[in-house]
Amino acid sequence: MNSTPVAASIAFIAGLAGAVQISIQARLGERVGSLEAIACTFVVASITALAVLVVVRRNLDGPRAGCSAPGGCCSAG
């Protein structure tokens, strides 16, 4: 199976999503401030990532194990 069309489609969708995200981030930054917009984006992205993880893996064992690791592991040190 040739995966080139799938990869091209994913790249195209990612490009569109990036453009939309920049536009939304700019509007949000005008309304509430840049730092608040970044914080809002971080919260939404974190919740979305956890939701996708639960749907795909059906559990939260990975993040739970990551949180119980020593501090040096999480800081790449």
N, C-alpha and C. Protein backbone atom coordinates (compact mmCIF):
# COMPACT_ATOMS: atom_id res chain seq x y z
N MET A 1 0.83 -1.18 0.00
CA MET A 1 0.00 0.00 0.00
C MET A 1 0.88 1.24 0.00
N ASN A 2 0.58 2.16 -0.89
CA ASN A 2 1.34 3.40 -1.00
C ASN A 2 0.81 4.40 0.02
N SER A 3 1.67 4.87 0.90
CA SER A 3 1.24 5.78 1.95
C SER A 3 1.45 7.24 1.60
N THR A 4 1.93 7.54 0.41
CA THR A 4 2.17 8.93 0.02
C THR A 4 0.90 9.77 0.04
N PRO A 5 -0.24 9.31 -0.52
CA PRO A 5 -1.45 10.13 -0.45
C PRO A 5 -1.92 10.39 0.98
N VAL A 6 -1.76 9.40 1.84
CA VAL A 6 -2.16 9.59 3.24
C VAL A 6 -1.27 10.64 3.90
N ALA A 7 0.02 10.54 3.68
CA ALA A 7 0.95 11.51 4.26
C ALA A 7 0.69 12.91 3.72
N ALA A 8 0.42 13.02 2.43
CA ALA A 8 0.12 14.32 1.83
C ALA A 8 -1.17 14.90 2.40
N SER A 9 -2.15 14.06 2.61
CA SER A 9 -3.42 14.53 3.19
C SER A 9 -3.22 15.02 4.61
N ILE A 10 -2.46 14.27 5.39
CA ILE A 10 -2.20 14.68 6.78
C ILE A 10 -1.42 16.00 6.80
N ALA A 11 -0.45 16.16 5.93
CA ALA A 11 0.32 17.40 5.86
C ALA A 11 -0.56 18.58 5.46
N PHE A 12 -1.47 18.35 4.52
CA PHE A 12 -2.38 19.41 4.09
C PHE A 12 -3.30 19.83 5.23
N ILE A 13 -3.88 18.86 5.93
CA ILE A 13 -4.77 19.17 7.05
C ILE A 13 -4.01 19.87 8.17
N ALA A 14 -2.78 19.45 8.43
CA ALA A 14 -1.96 20.10 9.45
C ALA A 14 -1.67 21.55 9.08
N GLY A 15 -1.42 21.82 7.82
CA GLY A 15 -1.19 23.19 7.37
C GLY A 15 -2.41 24.06 7.55
N LEU A 16 -3.56 23.53 7.19
CA LEU A 16 -4.81 24.29 7.40
C LEU A 16 -5.06 24.53 8.89
N ALA A 17 -4.87 23.50 9.69
CA ALA A 17 -5.10 23.64 11.13
C ALA A 17 -4.14 24.67 11.74
N GLY A 18 -2.91 24.70 11.27
CA GLY A 18 -1.95 25.68 11.76
C GLY A 18 -2.37 27.10 11.45
N ALA A 19 -2.88 27.31 10.23
CA ALA A 19 -3.34 28.65 9.85
C ALA A 19 -4.55 29.07 10.67
N VAL A 20 -5.46 28.16 10.88
CA VAL A 20 -6.64 28.47 11.69
C VAL A 20 -6.24 28.75 13.13
N GLN A 21 -5.32 27.97 13.66
CA GLN A 21 -4.88 28.16 15.04
C GLN A 21 -4.21 29.52 15.23
N ILE A 22 -3.43 29.96 14.27
CA ILE A 22 -2.78 31.27 14.36
C ILE A 22 -3.82 32.38 14.38
N SER A 23 -4.83 32.26 13.54
CA SER A 23 -5.89 33.26 13.49
C SER A 23 -6.66 33.32 14.80
N ILE A 24 -7.01 32.18 15.33
CA ILE A 24 -7.76 32.13 16.59
C ILE A 24 -6.90 32.65 17.74
N GLN A 25 -5.64 32.27 17.76
CA GLN A 25 -4.73 32.74 18.81
C GLN A 25 -4.58 34.25 18.78
N ALA A 26 -4.51 34.84 17.60
CA ALA A 26 -4.38 36.29 17.48
C ALA A 26 -5.62 37.00 18.01
N ARG A 27 -6.79 36.50 17.65
CA ARG A 27 -8.04 37.10 18.15
C ARG A 27 -8.16 36.97 19.66
N LEU A 28 -7.83 35.81 20.17
CA LEU A 28 -7.89 35.60 21.60
C LEU A 28 -6.89 36.51 22.32
N GLY A 29 -5.71 36.67 21.74
CA GLY A 29 -4.70 37.55 22.32
C GLY A 29 -5.15 38.99 22.37
N GLU A 30 -5.89 39.43 21.36
CA GLU A 30 -6.41 40.80 21.36
C GLU A 30 -7.46 40.99 22.45
N ARG A 31 -8.24 39.97 22.70
CA ARG A 31 -9.33 40.09 23.67
C ARG A 31 -8.86 39.97 25.12
N VAL A 32 -8.00 39.00 25.41
CA VAL A 32 -7.65 38.75 26.81
C VAL A 32 -6.18 38.98 27.12
N GLY A 33 -5.34 39.17 26.14
CA GLY A 33 -3.90 39.34 26.36
C GLY A 33 -3.13 38.12 25.89
N SER A 34 -1.89 38.34 25.56
CA SER A 34 -1.07 37.27 24.98
C SER A 34 -0.79 36.14 25.96
N LEU A 35 -0.42 36.47 27.18
CA LEU A 35 -0.08 35.44 28.16
C LEU A 35 -1.31 34.59 28.50
N GLU A 36 -2.45 35.26 28.64
CA GLU A 36 -3.68 34.53 28.94
C GLU A 36 -4.08 33.63 27.78
N ALA A 37 -3.87 34.10 26.55
CA ALA A 37 -4.19 33.29 25.36
C ALA A 37 -3.30 32.05 25.30
N ILE A 38 -2.03 32.21 25.63
CA ILE A 38 -1.12 31.07 25.64
C ILE A 38 -1.52 30.08 26.72
N ALA A 39 -1.90 30.57 27.90
CA ALA A 39 -2.34 29.69 28.98
C ALA A 39 -3.60 28.93 28.57
N CYS A 40 -4.53 29.61 27.93
CA CYS A 40 -5.77 28.96 27.48
C CYS A 40 -5.45 27.88 26.45
N THR A 41 -4.57 28.17 25.52
CA THR A 41 -4.17 27.20 24.51
C THR A 41 -3.51 25.98 25.15
N PHE A 42 -2.67 26.21 26.15
CA PHE A 42 -2.01 25.11 26.85
C PHE A 42 -3.03 24.20 27.53
N VAL A 43 -4.01 24.80 28.20
CA VAL A 43 -5.03 24.01 28.90
C VAL A 43 -5.85 23.20 27.91
N VAL A 44 -6.29 23.83 26.83
CA VAL A 44 -7.09 23.13 25.82
C VAL A 44 -6.29 22.00 25.18
N ALA A 45 -5.03 22.25 24.86
CA ALA A 45 -4.19 21.22 24.24
C ALA A 45 -3.94 20.06 25.21
N SER A 46 -3.74 20.36 26.48
CA SER A 46 -3.51 19.30 27.46
C SER A 46 -4.74 18.42 27.63
N ILE A 47 -5.91 19.04 27.73
CA ILE A 47 -7.15 18.28 27.87
C ILE A 47 -7.40 17.44 26.63
N THR A 48 -7.16 18.02 25.45
CA THR A 48 -7.34 17.28 24.20
C THR A 48 -6.39 16.09 24.12
N ALA A 49 -5.13 16.30 24.50
CA ALA A 49 -4.14 15.21 24.46
C ALA A 49 -4.53 14.08 25.41
N LEU A 50 -5.00 14.43 26.59
CA LEU A 50 -5.43 13.39 27.53
C LEU A 50 -6.65 12.65 27.01
N ALA A 51 -7.58 13.37 26.40
CA ALA A 51 -8.77 12.72 25.84
C ALA A 51 -8.39 11.76 24.72
N VAL A 52 -7.49 12.17 23.85
CA VAL A 52 -7.04 11.29 22.77
C VAL A 52 -6.32 10.07 23.35
N LEU A 53 -5.52 10.29 24.37
CA LEU A 53 -4.81 9.18 25.02
C LEU A 53 -5.78 8.18 25.62
N VAL A 54 -6.82 8.65 26.26
CA VAL A 54 -7.81 7.75 26.85
C VAL A 54 -8.54 6.98 25.76
N VAL A 55 -8.88 7.65 24.66
CA VAL A 55 -9.60 6.97 23.58
C VAL A 55 -8.71 5.91 22.92
N VAL A 56 -7.45 6.26 22.66
CA VAL A 56 -6.55 5.34 21.96
C VAL A 56 -6.06 4.21 22.86
N ARG A 57 -5.61 4.55 24.05
CA ARG A 57 -5.00 3.55 24.94
C ARG A 57 -5.98 2.93 25.94
N ARG A 58 -7.12 3.56 26.13
CA ARG A 58 -8.15 3.09 27.07
C ARG A 58 -7.73 3.14 28.54
N ASN A 59 -6.64 3.88 28.84
CA ASN A 59 -6.24 4.06 30.23
C ASN A 59 -5.28 5.24 30.33
N LEU A 60 -4.91 5.57 31.56
CA LEU A 60 -3.96 6.66 31.79
C LEU A 60 -2.70 6.14 32.49
N ASP A 61 -2.32 4.91 32.20
CA ASP A 61 -1.15 4.32 32.85
C ASP A 61 0.14 5.06 32.49
N GLY A 62 0.27 5.48 31.23
CA GLY A 62 1.49 6.18 30.80
C GLY A 62 1.72 7.49 31.53
N PRO A 63 0.74 8.41 31.53
CA PRO A 63 0.93 9.66 32.28
C PRO A 63 1.11 9.43 33.78
N ARG A 64 0.42 8.43 34.33
CA ARG A 64 0.55 8.12 35.75
C ARG A 64 1.97 7.67 36.06
N ALA A 65 2.54 6.83 35.19
CA ALA A 65 3.91 6.38 35.39
C ALA A 65 4.90 7.53 35.22
N GLY A 66 4.60 8.42 34.28
CA GLY A 66 5.46 9.57 34.07
C GLY A 66 5.48 10.52 35.26
N CYS A 67 4.33 10.68 35.90
CA CYS A 67 4.26 11.56 37.06
C CYS A 67 4.94 10.96 38.28
N SER A 68 5.06 9.64 38.33
CA SER A 68 5.71 9.01 39.48
C SER A 68 7.21 8.83 39.27
N ALA A 69 7.71 9.23 38.09
CA ALA A 69 9.15 9.12 37.82
C ALA A 69 9.92 10.19 38.61
N PRO A 70 11.20 9.98 38.85
CA PRO A 70 12.00 11.00 39.54
C PRO A 70 12.01 12.30 38.74
N GLY A 71 12.17 13.41 39.44
CA GLY A 71 12.12 14.73 38.82
C GLY A 71 13.11 14.94 37.69
N GLY A 72 14.28 14.33 37.79
CA GLY A 72 15.30 14.48 36.76
C GLY A 72 14.87 13.90 35.42
N CYS A 73 14.02 12.88 35.46
CA CYS A 73 13.54 12.27 34.21
C CYS A 73 12.65 13.22 33.44
N CYS A 74 11.84 13.98 34.15
CA CYS A 74 10.90 14.90 33.49
C CYS A 74 11.57 16.16 32.98
N SER A 75 12.70 16.51 33.54
CA SER A 75 13.38 17.73 33.14
C SER A 75 14.48 17.47 32.12
N ALA A 76 14.55 16.26 31.61
CA ALA A 76 15.55 15.85 30.62
C ALA A 76 16.96 16.03 31.16
N GLY A 77 17.11 15.91 32.45
CA GLY A 77 18.43 16.11 33.04
C GLY A 77 19.01 14.89 33.68
